[in-house]
């Protein structure tokens, strides 16, 4: 019998979420770059994208810390 909901399932779910967030972060990089190159770029939209990118970065760091906790010996 296989147990579900164990630590390995949780780790896999965290890794999938981490990869999804990293991809969204890369996509935002591309969108921000594209907006910045436009002569009539929307400053408010640019600010929103950058804020979302920072939020994603913080969430990525949190997930990385959960997956790879610092062990102080």
N, C-alpha and C. Protein backbone atom coordinates (compact mmCIF):
# COMPACT_ATOMS: atom_id res chain seq x y z
N UNK A 1 0.85 -1.19 0.00
CA UNK A 1 0.00 0.00 0.00
C UNK A 1 0.89 1.25 0.00
N UNK A 2 0.53 2.21 -0.82
CA UNK A 2 1.30 3.44 -0.95
C UNK A 2 0.63 4.54 -0.13
N UNK A 3 1.41 5.22 0.69
CA UNK A 3 0.88 6.31 1.50
C UNK A 3 0.94 7.61 0.70
N UNK A 4 -0.12 8.37 0.74
CA UNK A 4 -0.16 9.66 0.05
C UNK A 4 -0.09 10.78 1.08
N UNK A 5 0.37 11.92 0.63
CA UNK A 5 0.43 13.07 1.52
C UNK A 5 1.65 13.09 2.41
N UNK A 6 2.61 12.25 2.08
CA UNK A 6 3.82 12.18 2.88
C UNK A 6 4.79 13.29 2.52
N UNK A 7 5.95 13.28 3.18
CA UNK A 7 6.96 14.31 2.93
C UNK A 7 7.43 14.38 1.47
N UNK A 8 7.52 13.23 0.80
CA UNK A 8 7.97 13.26 -0.60
C UNK A 8 6.94 13.92 -1.50
N UNK A 9 5.66 13.66 -1.25
CA UNK A 9 4.61 14.31 -2.04
C UNK A 9 4.64 15.81 -1.81
N UNK A 10 4.85 16.21 -0.58
CA UNK A 10 4.91 17.64 -0.26
C UNK A 10 6.11 18.29 -0.93
N UNK A 11 7.24 17.60 -0.91
CA UNK A 11 8.44 18.15 -1.56
C UNK A 11 8.23 18.28 -3.06
N UNK A 12 7.62 17.28 -3.68
CA UNK A 12 7.35 17.35 -5.12
C UNK A 12 6.43 18.53 -5.44
N UNK A 13 5.42 18.71 -4.60
CA UNK A 13 4.49 19.83 -4.82
C UNK A 13 5.21 21.17 -4.69
N UNK A 14 6.09 21.28 -3.69
CA UNK A 14 6.86 22.51 -3.51
C UNK A 14 7.77 22.76 -4.70
N UNK A 15 8.40 21.72 -5.21
CA UNK A 15 9.30 21.86 -6.37
C UNK A 15 8.53 22.28 -7.62
N UNK A 16 7.33 21.72 -7.81
CA UNK A 16 6.50 22.12 -8.96
C UNK A 16 6.10 23.58 -8.84
N UNK A 17 5.70 23.99 -7.64
CA UNK A 17 5.32 25.39 -7.41
C UNK A 17 6.52 26.31 -7.62
N UNK A 18 7.67 25.90 -7.15
CA UNK A 18 8.89 26.69 -7.32
C UNK A 18 9.21 26.88 -8.80
N UNK A 19 9.10 25.82 -9.58
CA UNK A 19 9.39 25.93 -11.02
C UNK A 19 8.37 26.83 -11.71
N UNK A 20 7.09 26.72 -11.31
CA UNK A 20 6.06 27.57 -11.89
C UNK A 20 6.35 29.04 -11.59
N UNK A 21 6.75 29.33 -10.35
CA UNK A 21 7.06 30.71 -9.96
C UNK A 21 8.30 31.23 -10.70
N UNK A 22 9.29 30.37 -10.84
CA UNK A 22 10.50 30.78 -11.59
C UNK A 22 10.16 31.12 -13.04
N UNK A 23 9.28 30.31 -13.64
CA UNK A 23 8.88 30.57 -15.03
C UNK A 23 8.12 31.89 -15.12
N UNK A 24 7.21 32.12 -14.18
CA UNK A 24 6.46 33.38 -14.19
C UNK A 24 7.42 34.57 -14.00
N UNK A 25 8.43 34.40 -13.15
CA UNK A 25 9.43 35.45 -12.92
C UNK A 25 10.19 35.74 -14.22
N UNK A 26 10.58 34.69 -14.95
CA UNK A 26 11.26 34.89 -16.24
C UNK A 26 10.35 35.58 -17.25
N UNK A 27 9.08 35.17 -17.26
CA UNK A 27 8.11 35.80 -18.17
C UNK A 27 7.95 37.28 -17.85
N UNK A 28 7.93 37.61 -16.57
CA UNK A 28 7.83 39.02 -16.19
C UNK A 28 9.06 39.79 -16.63
N UNK A 29 10.23 39.18 -16.53
CA UNK A 29 11.46 39.81 -17.03
C UNK A 29 11.29 40.21 -18.49
N UNK A 30 10.79 39.28 -19.28
CA UNK A 30 10.60 39.54 -20.71
C UNK A 30 9.58 40.65 -20.94
N UNK A 31 8.49 40.61 -20.20
CA UNK A 31 7.44 41.62 -20.35
C UNK A 31 7.95 43.00 -19.95
N UNK A 32 8.71 43.06 -18.88
CA UNK A 32 9.27 44.33 -18.40
C UNK A 32 10.26 44.88 -19.43
N UNK A 33 11.12 44.01 -19.94
CA UNK A 33 12.08 44.44 -20.96
C UNK A 33 11.36 44.99 -22.18
N UNK A 34 10.32 44.30 -22.61
CA UNK A 34 9.57 44.74 -23.79
C UNK A 34 8.90 46.08 -23.54
N UNK A 35 8.31 46.24 -22.36
CA UNK A 35 7.65 47.50 -22.04
C UNK A 35 8.64 48.66 -21.97
N UNK A 36 9.81 48.38 -21.39
CA UNK A 36 10.81 49.44 -21.24
C UNK A 36 11.37 49.90 -22.58
N UNK A 37 11.35 49.05 -23.58
CA UNK A 37 11.88 49.44 -24.89
C UNK A 37 10.87 50.23 -25.71
N UNK A 38 9.62 50.19 -25.31
CA UNK A 38 8.59 50.93 -26.05
C UNK A 38 8.69 52.41 -25.69
N UNK A 39 8.57 53.25 -26.69
CA UNK A 39 8.70 54.70 -26.45
C UNK A 39 7.51 55.24 -25.67
N UNK A 40 6.37 54.59 -25.78
CA UNK A 40 5.18 55.05 -25.07
C UNK A 40 4.79 54.05 -23.98
N UNK A 41 5.80 53.58 -23.24
CA UNK A 41 5.52 52.56 -22.23
C UNK A 41 4.63 53.12 -21.12
N UNK A 42 3.80 52.25 -20.60
CA UNK A 42 2.86 52.57 -19.54
C UNK A 42 3.60 52.44 -18.20
N UNK A 43 3.90 53.57 -17.59
CA UNK A 43 4.68 53.58 -16.35
C UNK A 43 3.97 52.84 -15.22
N UNK A 44 2.65 52.99 -15.13
CA UNK A 44 1.89 52.32 -14.07
C UNK A 44 1.95 50.80 -14.27
N UNK A 45 1.78 50.35 -15.50
CA UNK A 45 1.85 48.92 -15.80
C UNK A 45 3.24 48.40 -15.49
N UNK A 46 4.25 49.16 -15.82
CA UNK A 46 5.63 48.78 -15.53
C UNK A 46 5.85 48.62 -14.04
N UNK A 47 5.34 49.56 -13.25
CA UNK A 47 5.46 49.47 -11.79
C UNK A 47 4.75 48.23 -11.26
N UNK A 48 3.59 47.93 -11.79
CA UNK A 48 2.83 46.74 -11.34
C UNK A 48 3.60 45.46 -11.65
N UNK A 49 4.17 45.39 -12.84
CA UNK A 49 4.93 44.19 -13.20
C UNK A 49 6.16 44.03 -12.31
N UNK A 50 6.85 45.13 -12.05
CA UNK A 50 8.03 45.06 -11.19
C UNK A 50 7.66 44.66 -9.76
N UNK A 51 6.53 45.17 -9.27
CA UNK A 51 6.08 44.80 -7.93
C UNK A 51 5.73 43.32 -7.88
N UNK A 52 5.04 42.83 -8.90
CA UNK A 52 4.70 41.40 -8.97
C UNK A 52 5.97 40.56 -9.01
N UNK A 53 6.97 41.02 -9.74
CA UNK A 53 8.23 40.30 -9.84
C UNK A 53 8.92 40.21 -8.47
N UNK A 54 8.88 41.29 -7.71
CA UNK A 54 9.47 41.28 -6.36
C UNK A 54 8.72 40.32 -5.44
N UNK A 55 7.40 40.31 -5.54
CA UNK A 55 6.60 39.39 -4.73
C UNK A 55 6.96 37.94 -5.08
N UNK A 56 7.10 37.67 -6.38
CA UNK A 56 7.48 36.33 -6.81
C UNK A 56 8.86 35.95 -6.29
N UNK A 57 9.79 36.90 -6.36
CA UNK A 57 11.15 36.63 -5.87
C UNK A 57 11.12 36.23 -4.40
N UNK A 58 10.34 36.96 -3.60
CA UNK A 58 10.24 36.64 -2.17
C UNK A 58 9.63 35.27 -1.95
N UNK A 59 8.62 34.93 -2.73
CA UNK A 59 7.97 33.61 -2.61
C UNK A 59 8.94 32.50 -3.04
N UNK A 60 9.72 32.76 -4.10
CA UNK A 60 10.72 31.79 -4.55
C UNK A 60 11.74 31.53 -3.46
N UNK A 61 12.20 32.59 -2.83
CA UNK A 61 13.18 32.45 -1.74
C UNK A 61 12.59 31.65 -0.59
N UNK A 62 11.33 31.91 -0.24
CA UNK A 62 10.67 31.16 0.83
C UNK A 62 10.61 29.66 0.50
N UNK A 63 10.22 29.35 -0.74
CA UNK A 63 10.14 27.94 -1.13
C UNK A 63 11.52 27.28 -1.14
N UNK A 64 12.52 28.00 -1.65
CA UNK A 64 13.88 27.45 -1.65
C UNK A 64 14.35 27.17 -0.23
N UNK A 65 14.01 28.07 0.70
CA UNK A 65 14.39 27.86 2.10
C UNK A 65 13.68 26.64 2.69
N UNK A 66 12.43 26.41 2.30
CA UNK A 66 11.70 25.23 2.78
C UNK A 66 12.32 23.95 2.23
N UNK A 67 12.75 23.99 0.99
CA UNK A 67 13.32 22.81 0.36
C UNK A 67 14.76 22.56 0.78
N UNK A 68 15.48 23.62 1.06
CA UNK A 68 16.90 23.52 1.43
C UNK A 68 17.17 24.33 2.68
N UNK A 69 16.67 23.87 3.83
CA UNK A 69 16.87 24.67 5.05
C UNK A 69 18.34 24.72 5.45
N UNK A 70 18.74 25.86 6.01
CA UNK A 70 20.09 25.99 6.53
C UNK A 70 20.19 25.16 7.80
N UNK A 71 21.17 24.27 7.83
CA UNK A 71 21.37 23.45 9.00
C UNK A 71 22.63 23.94 9.70
N UNK A 72 22.43 24.42 10.90
CA UNK A 72 23.55 24.94 11.68
C UNK A 72 24.05 23.81 12.58
N UNK A 73 25.31 23.44 12.37
CA UNK A 73 25.87 22.32 13.12
C UNK A 73 26.49 22.80 14.40
